[in-house]
């Protein structure tokens, strides 16, 4: 019998779980779903990221997050003082921006590419 994948939740290591939860909730606008001493789950519109208390040698992760409107999210985050690893850019696969969290994990926020605007990957 076959089954269907219902959800994929990325799990990333962080150095300071409390500080990371605060950043994801207060700065990036996620909601706290679960918090234990070793794990926190933050959520936005039914989609979760699992934050795990990692060690000092934990490797950074890259998480793709599809959103409806990058321009609006960019302005919202810019007003909150978010530091961008990459400002919004138009590529053939998406219009995207990249935010680094407190541990250097990269959150790639993307929406559909803007047709008619030059693509960065074709220059």
Protein backbone atom coordinates (compact mmCIF):
# COMPACT_ATOMS: atom_id res chain seq x y z
CA UNK A 1 0.00 0.00 0.00
CA UNK A 2 1.39 3.43 -0.96
CA UNK A 3 1.22 6.45 1.28
CA UNK A 4 1.38 10.19 0.69
CA UNK A 5 3.91 12.60 2.15
CA UNK A 6 1.89 15.08 4.18
CA UNK A 7 4.60 17.43 5.36
CA UNK A 8 8.33 17.94 5.42
CA UNK A 9 9.72 19.79 8.41
CA UNK A 10 13.36 20.87 8.30
CA UNK A 11 15.28 20.39 11.51
CA UNK A 12 18.26 22.64 12.18
CA UNK A 13 20.83 22.87 14.95
CA UNK A 14 21.18 26.09 16.95
CA UNK A 15 23.72 27.10 19.62
CA UNK A 16 21.30 28.88 21.98
CA UNK A 17 17.76 27.52 21.77
CA UNK A 18 16.15 30.31 23.81
CA UNK A 19 17.80 33.07 21.74
CA UNK A 20 16.86 31.31 18.51
CA UNK A 21 13.23 30.90 19.56
CA UNK A 22 13.10 34.59 20.45
CA UNK A 23 14.58 35.53 17.03
CA UNK A 24 12.24 33.28 15.04
CA UNK A 25 9.17 34.47 16.96
CA UNK A 26 9.84 38.16 17.62
CA UNK A 27 11.86 39.07 14.53
CA UNK A 28 10.84 36.62 11.81
CA UNK A 29 7.21 36.34 12.89
CA UNK A 30 6.89 32.58 13.49
CA UNK A 31 4.71 31.21 16.30
CA UNK A 32 6.11 28.96 19.02
CA UNK A 33 4.43 25.56 18.83
CA UNK A 34 6.56 23.40 21.18
CA UNK A 35 9.52 24.14 23.44
CA UNK A 36 11.58 21.68 25.48
CA UNK A 37 15.16 22.06 26.77
CA UNK A 38 16.49 20.38 23.60
CA UNK A 39 13.90 21.16 20.91
CA UNK A 40 11.60 23.95 19.84
CA UNK A 41 9.13 23.92 16.96
CA UNK A 42 8.22 27.21 15.34
CA UNK A 43 5.42 27.49 12.85
CA UNK A 44 4.02 29.80 10.20
CA UNK A 45 0.76 29.06 8.40
CA UNK A 46 0.93 25.37 9.30
CA UNK A 47 4.57 24.94 8.22
CA UNK A 48 7.17 24.12 10.84
CA UNK A 49 10.89 24.42 11.42
CA UNK A 50 12.33 22.28 14.21
CA UNK A 51 15.13 23.99 16.14
CA UNK A 52 17.43 21.58 17.97
CA UNK A 53 19.94 22.49 20.66
CA UNK A 54 23.21 21.62 18.91
CA UNK A 55 26.83 21.66 19.81
CA UNK A 56 29.44 24.26 18.86
CA UNK A 57 30.41 22.30 15.72
CA UNK A 58 26.91 21.98 14.28
CA UNK A 59 26.79 22.53 10.53
CA UNK A 60 24.66 25.32 9.09
CA UNK A 61 21.52 24.35 7.17
CA UNK A 62 19.72 25.93 4.23
CA UNK A 63 15.91 25.95 4.30
CA UNK A 64 13.70 27.00 1.35
CA UNK A 65 10.45 28.74 2.41
CA UNK A 66 7.96 29.55 -0.33
CA UNK A 67 5.92 32.70 0.32
CA UNK A 68 3.28 34.63 -1.57
CA UNK A 69 4.97 38.04 -1.79
CA UNK A 70 8.70 38.56 -1.29
CA UNK A 71 8.48 42.34 -1.66
CA UNK A 72 6.03 42.64 1.25
CA UNK A 73 8.02 40.24 3.43
CA UNK A 74 11.25 42.07 2.62
CA UNK A 75 9.76 45.39 3.77
CA UNK A 76 8.37 43.78 6.93
CA UNK A 77 11.74 42.23 7.81
CA UNK A 78 13.71 45.35 6.85
CA UNK A 79 11.53 47.40 9.24
CA UNK A 80 12.39 44.89 12.00
CA UNK A 81 16.12 45.26 11.38
CA UNK A 82 16.68 41.82 9.86
CA UNK A 83 20.14 41.43 8.33
CA UNK A 84 19.95 39.89 4.89
CA UNK A 85 22.51 37.44 3.51
CA UNK A 86 21.01 38.32 0.12
CA UNK A 87 18.62 41.12 -0.79
CA UNK A 88 15.68 40.15 -3.03
CA UNK A 89 16.89 39.03 -6.45
CA UNK A 90 15.11 37.68 -9.51
CA UNK A 91 16.22 34.28 -10.80
CA UNK A 92 14.71 32.00 -13.42
CA UNK A 93 13.50 29.67 -10.65
CA UNK A 94 12.26 32.27 -8.11
CA UNK A 95 12.28 35.81 -6.81
CA UNK A 96 14.10 35.24 -3.53
CA UNK A 97 15.99 36.67 -0.60
CA UNK A 98 18.12 35.01 2.05
CA UNK A 99 18.14 35.64 5.80
CA UNK A 100 20.76 34.15 8.11
CA UNK A 101 19.55 33.25 11.58
CA UNK A 102 21.65 33.67 14.73
CA UNK A 103 23.56 30.46 13.98
CA UNK A 104 24.24 31.11 10.30
CA UNK A 105 21.45 28.83 9.07
CA UNK A 106 20.17 30.26 5.79
CA UNK A 107 16.45 30.82 5.31
CA UNK A 108 15.76 31.23 1.60
CA UNK A 109 12.39 32.94 1.13
CA UNK A 110 11.11 32.69 -2.42
CA UNK A 111 8.11 33.32 -4.62
CA UNK A 112 7.56 32.99 -8.35
CA UNK A 113 10.06 34.78 -10.60
CA UNK A 114 9.11 38.22 -11.92
CA UNK A 115 8.65 37.71 -15.64
CA UNK A 116 9.89 40.57 -17.77
CA UNK A 117 12.64 41.51 -15.28
CA UNK A 118 16.18 40.30 -15.97
CA UNK A 119 17.16 37.10 -14.23
CA UNK A 120 20.33 37.24 -12.09
CA UNK A 121 21.36 33.73 -13.18
CA UNK A 122 21.43 34.73 -16.86
CA UNK A 123 23.62 37.83 -16.64
